[in-house]
Amino acid sequence: MRLFERILFGIFIVWGAVGAVTLGLRQFLLPPWISWADAFFMVLAAANVLLAMARRDGWPDTLKSFAIIAIGSGIVETVGATTGRPFGPYEYTPFFGPRIAGILPIAIPLAWYAVLGTGHYLIFHWLKLGSRRVTAIAVAAWATAFDFVLEPFAAYVKSYWIWHSPAIPPQNYASWFLISFLLARLAPWGRGPIDRFDPRPPCVAATMLLIFVVGRIAAGV
C-alpha cells in the first residue's frame, strides 16, 4: 500500500474504534455538530474497499463495478423508500448524512458497495469457487447475512431509517439476496490475480460487524 492508502486505512480503523467505544457507552444518536460522522465512516469503508479492489483488478474494472453497484443499489433503494417495494414500507431519516433529493442518503450506495465488495473479495480469495455465477450466489448469501446483523442496528439503534411495519419484513432479506446476486453478477470484478491478498476488505467487514454487534448489545436489540 502507498502512504496515502495506509493513512486512509488507519483513519478508518481509528474512526471505527471510536464509533464502537461510543456505542458501548450507549451514545447512540450523535450531536448535531458531528452528525456527519456515521456517513463519513461509510465513505472511509467504501474508499478502502475500492482501493483494495483496484490493486487486484485494476481501475477500469473496479470503477465499472463501483458504478454498477452504487447506481443500481441507489435506484432500488430510492424506489423502495418511495413505494415500499421490494423491501417493504420504510423511509430514511436525516441521521445518516446528506440525502439525494431529500430521499436517499448518499451513504447508502456506499454501504452496498462496502458490503458486496468485502464479500466478493473474501469469497474470491478464500473459497476460489471458479464460476462467476456461483461466486455471485455466495456473495448474495454473505450480503443477506450481513444485512441480518445490520438491519436492527440501523433501524432501531441509530434510526437511519424507519420501518412502517411491526417488524422487519421477511421480504427485505429475500430482496437483499436477489438484488445482491444481480449486482454481484453484473459487476466485472474478480479478473485480477488471486495471489495478492489485501488486509483492508476483511478489516472493513470486521469493523462494520463489530460496530453493529456492540451497538445492538448496548441497546438491547
Protein backbone atom coordinates (compact mmCIF):
# COMPACT_ATOMS: atom_id res chain seq x y z
CA MET A 1 0.00 0.00 0.00
CA ARG A 2 1.13 3.54 -0.73
CA LEU A 3 1.48 6.06 2.11
CA PHE A 4 -1.85 7.72 1.29
CA GLU A 5 -3.63 4.36 1.38
CA ARG A 6 -2.02 3.45 4.70
CA ILE A 7 -3.15 6.76 6.18
CA LEU A 8 -6.70 6.29 4.85
CA PHE A 9 -6.82 2.75 6.26
CA GLY A 10 -5.52 3.98 9.62
CA ILE A 11 -8.18 6.70 9.76
CA PHE A 12 -10.86 4.09 9.06
CA ILE A 13 -9.63 1.82 11.87
CA VAL A 14 -9.44 4.69 14.37
CA TRP A 15 -12.84 6.04 13.28
CA GLY A 16 -14.40 2.62 13.66
CA ALA A 17 -12.81 2.04 17.07
CA VAL A 18 -14.09 5.40 18.35
CA GLY A 19 -17.54 4.55 17.00
CA ALA A 20 -17.57 1.18 18.74
CA VAL A 21 -16.49 2.72 22.05
CA THR A 22 -19.11 5.46 21.73
CA LEU A 23 -21.83 2.87 21.13
CA GLY A 24 -20.56 0.80 24.04
CA LEU A 25 -21.09 3.88 26.21
CA ARG A 26 -24.69 3.99 24.92
CA GLN A 27 -24.23 7.19 22.93
CA PHE A 28 -26.48 6.16 20.04
CA LEU A 29 -27.55 9.45 18.44
CA LEU A 30 -24.76 11.90 17.62
CA PRO A 31 -24.99 15.62 18.49
CA PRO A 32 -25.70 17.96 15.55
CA TRP A 33 -22.12 19.23 15.27
CA ILE A 34 -20.86 15.75 14.36
CA SER A 35 -23.96 14.31 12.72
CA TRP A 36 -21.90 13.63 9.58
CA ALA A 37 -19.65 11.11 11.34
CA ASP A 38 -21.63 7.94 10.50
CA ALA A 39 -21.87 8.85 6.81
CA PHE A 40 -18.14 9.63 6.76
CA PHE A 41 -17.48 6.18 8.20
CA MET A 42 -19.20 4.67 5.17
CA VAL A 43 -17.13 6.88 2.86
CA LEU A 44 -13.97 5.53 4.52
CA ALA A 45 -15.22 1.93 4.33
CA ALA A 46 -16.10 2.15 0.64
CA ALA A 47 -12.87 4.00 -0.22
CA ASN A 48 -10.71 1.33 1.41
CA VAL A 49 -12.58 -1.48 -0.35
CA LEU A 50 -12.34 0.41 -3.66
CA LEU A 51 -8.57 0.80 -3.34
CA ALA A 52 -8.15 -2.87 -2.45
CA MET A 53 -10.21 -3.89 -5.48
CA ALA A 54 -8.21 -1.58 -7.74
CA ARG A 55 -4.97 -3.12 -6.52
CA ARG A 56 -6.27 -6.55 -7.54
CA ASP A 57 -8.42 -5.91 -10.62
CA GLY A 58 -7.11 -2.61 -11.97
CA TRP A 59 -9.00 0.68 -12.12
CA PRO A 60 -11.20 0.12 -15.20
CA ASP A 61 -12.98 -3.00 -13.84
CA THR A 62 -13.03 -1.55 -10.32
CA LEU A 63 -14.71 1.68 -11.38
CA LYS A 64 -17.22 -0.19 -13.55
CA SER A 65 -18.10 -2.45 -10.62
CA PHE A 66 -18.43 0.51 -8.28
CA ALA A 67 -20.72 2.32 -10.73
CA ILE A 68 -22.94 -0.73 -11.26
CA ILE A 69 -23.35 -1.34 -7.53
CA ALA A 70 -23.67 2.29 -6.44
CA ILE A 71 -26.11 3.30 -9.17
CA GLY A 72 -28.05 0.03 -9.13
CA SER A 73 -28.48 -0.04 -5.37
CA GLY A 74 -29.23 3.69 -5.31
CA ILE A 75 -32.08 3.29 -7.79
CA VAL A 76 -33.54 0.27 -5.98
CA GLU A 77 -33.29 1.96 -2.57
CA THR A 78 -34.90 5.15 -3.86
CA VAL A 79 -37.79 3.16 -5.32
CA GLY A 80 -38.01 1.19 -2.10
CA ALA A 81 -38.15 4.28 0.10
CA THR A 82 -40.88 5.88 -2.05
CA THR A 83 -43.04 2.84 -2.89
CA GLY A 84 -42.32 0.23 -0.23
CA ARG A 85 -41.15 -2.24 -2.89
CA PRO A 86 -39.27 -4.53 -2.96
CA PHE A 87 -38.03 -4.36 0.66
CA GLY A 88 -41.22 -3.36 2.45
CA PRO A 89 -42.52 0.01 3.72
CA TYR A 90 -39.77 2.23 5.14
CA GLU A 91 -38.34 5.73 4.90
CA TYR A 92 -34.96 7.28 5.58
CA THR A 93 -34.30 9.82 8.34
CA PRO A 94 -31.72 12.66 8.46
CA PHE A 95 -29.45 10.62 10.77
CA PHE A 96 -27.34 9.01 8.01
CA GLY A 97 -25.94 12.12 6.39
CA PRO A 98 -26.97 14.18 3.33
CA ARG A 99 -29.79 12.80 1.19
CA ILE A 100 -30.23 12.94 -2.57
CA ALA A 101 -33.50 14.77 -3.41
CA GLY A 102 -34.36 14.53 0.27
CA ILE A 103 -34.87 10.76 -0.06
CA LEU A 104 -31.73 8.64 -0.41
CA PRO A 105 -28.75 9.11 1.94
CA ILE A 106 -25.53 9.30 -0.06
CA ALA A 107 -24.04 6.77 2.35
CA ILE A 108 -26.48 4.02 1.30
CA PRO A 109 -24.94 3.15 -2.11
CA LEU A 110 -21.52 3.29 -0.44
CA ALA A 111 -22.72 0.82 2.20
CA TRP A 112 -23.93 -1.55 -0.53
CA TYR A 113 -20.55 -1.34 -2.22
CA ALA A 114 -18.68 -1.95 1.04
CA VAL A 115 -20.81 -5.00 1.89
CA LEU A 116 -20.74 -6.57 -1.58
CA GLY A 117 -17.11 -5.64 -2.13
CA THR A 118 -15.85 -7.21 1.08
CA GLY A 119 -17.96 -10.30 0.43
CA HIS A 120 -16.64 -10.72 -3.09
CA TYR A 121 -13.04 -10.13 -2.06
CA LEU A 122 -13.11 -12.71 0.72
CA ILE A 123 -15.07 -15.32 -1.25
CA PHE A 124 -12.94 -14.83 -4.35
CA HIS A 125 -9.70 -15.32 -2.41
CA TRP A 126 -10.65 -17.89 0.18
CA LEU A 127 -13.23 -20.13 -1.50
CA LYS A 128 -11.95 -19.91 -5.08
CA LEU A 129 -15.28 -21.06 -6.48
CA GLY A 130 -14.31 -20.54 -10.10
CA SER A 131 -17.76 -19.94 -11.57
CA ARG A 132 -18.83 -16.29 -11.59
CA ARG A 133 -22.47 -17.34 -11.09
CA VAL A 134 -21.66 -19.46 -8.04
CA THR A 135 -19.47 -16.69 -6.67
CA ALA A 136 -22.34 -14.22 -7.08
CA ILE A 137 -24.66 -16.58 -5.17
CA ALA A 138 -22.11 -16.80 -2.36
CA VAL A 139 -21.73 -13.02 -2.31
CA ALA A 140 -25.52 -12.65 -2.13
CA ALA A 141 -25.64 -15.05 0.82
CA TRP A 142 -22.87 -13.04 2.53
CA ALA A 143 -24.70 -9.75 1.93
CA THR A 144 -28.02 -11.14 3.23
CA ALA A 145 -26.37 -12.46 6.39
CA PHE A 146 -24.64 -9.09 6.79
CA ASP A 147 -27.96 -7.29 6.47
CA PHE A 148 -29.49 -9.60 9.08
CA VAL A 149 -26.99 -8.15 11.58
CA LEU A 150 -27.23 -4.62 10.17
CA GLU A 151 -30.99 -4.05 9.96
CA PRO A 152 -31.90 -3.93 13.68
CA PHE A 153 -28.86 -1.74 14.35
CA ALA A 154 -29.65 0.75 11.58
CA ALA A 155 -33.41 0.90 12.21
CA TYR A 156 -33.71 0.56 16.00
CA VAL A 157 -30.35 1.71 17.40
CA LYS A 158 -29.26 4.51 15.04
CA SER A 159 -32.62 5.30 13.38
CA TYR A 160 -31.08 5.65 9.91
CA TRP A 161 -34.46 4.52 8.58
CA ILE A 162 -37.89 3.73 9.97
CA TRP A 163 -39.91 0.61 9.13
CA HIS A 164 -43.64 1.23 8.72
CA SER A 165 -44.43 -2.30 9.86
CA PRO A 166 -44.45 -4.03 13.26
CA ALA A 167 -41.17 -5.80 12.45
CA ILE A 168 -38.58 -6.01 9.69
CA PRO A 169 -40.46 -7.80 6.89
CA PRO A 170 -39.00 -11.12 5.63
CA GLN A 171 -39.25 -9.81 2.07
CA ASN A 172 -36.46 -7.39 2.95
CA TYR A 173 -33.97 -10.24 3.26
CA ALA A 174 -35.26 -12.03 0.17
CA SER A 175 -34.87 -8.77 -1.77
CA TRP A 176 -31.36 -8.28 -0.42
CA PHE A 177 -30.37 -11.72 -1.67
CA LEU A 178 -31.82 -11.24 -5.14
CA ILE A 179 -30.51 -7.71 -5.66
CA SER A 180 -27.09 -8.61 -4.28
CA PHE A 181 -26.89 -11.56 -6.65
CA LEU A 182 -27.79 -9.43 -9.66
CA LEU A 183 -25.32 -6.67 -8.78
CA ALA A 184 -22.52 -9.12 -7.98
CA ARG A 185 -23.18 -11.00 -11.22
CA LEU A 186 -23.14 -7.83 -13.33
CA ALA A 187 -20.03 -6.32 -11.77
CA PRO A 188 -16.90 -7.16 -13.85
CA TRP A 189 -14.69 -7.77 -10.84
CA GLY A 190 -12.61 -10.82 -9.93
CA ARG A 191 -10.43 -10.90 -13.05
CA GLY A 192 -7.26 -9.86 -11.27
CA PRO A 193 -4.58 -12.19 -9.85
CA ILE A 194 -5.76 -14.27 -6.93
CA ASP A 195 -2.44 -14.35 -5.07
CA ARG A 196 -2.29 -10.70 -3.97
CA PHE A 197 -4.31 -10.62 -0.76
CA ASP A 198 -5.09 -7.25 0.82
CA PRO A 199 -5.99 -6.91 4.52
CA ARG A 200 -8.37 -4.00 4.00
CA PRO A 201 -11.56 -5.85 2.93
CA PRO A 202 -11.60 -8.26 5.90
CA CYS A 203 -10.78 -5.41 8.30
CA VAL A 204 -13.58 -3.27 6.85
CA ALA A 205 -16.06 -6.14 7.22
CA ALA A 206 -14.90 -6.97 10.76
CA THR A 207 -15.05 -3.32 11.88
CA MET A 208 -18.54 -2.83 10.49
CA LEU A 209 -19.81 -6.03 12.12
CA LEU A 210 -18.15 -5.09 15.42
CA ILE A 211 -19.97 -1.74 15.42
CA PHE A 212 -23.31 -3.38 14.63
CA VAL A 213 -22.92 -6.01 17.34
CA VAL A 214 -21.66 -3.61 20.03
CA GLY A 215 -24.48 -1.19 19.26
CA ARG A 216 -27.14 -3.88 19.38
CA ILE A 217 -25.83 -5.31 22.65
CA ALA A 218 -25.61 -1.85 24.25
CA ALA A 219 -29.15 -1.02 23.12
CA GLY A 220 -30.56 -4.45 23.96
CA VAL A 221 -31.77 -5.03 20.40
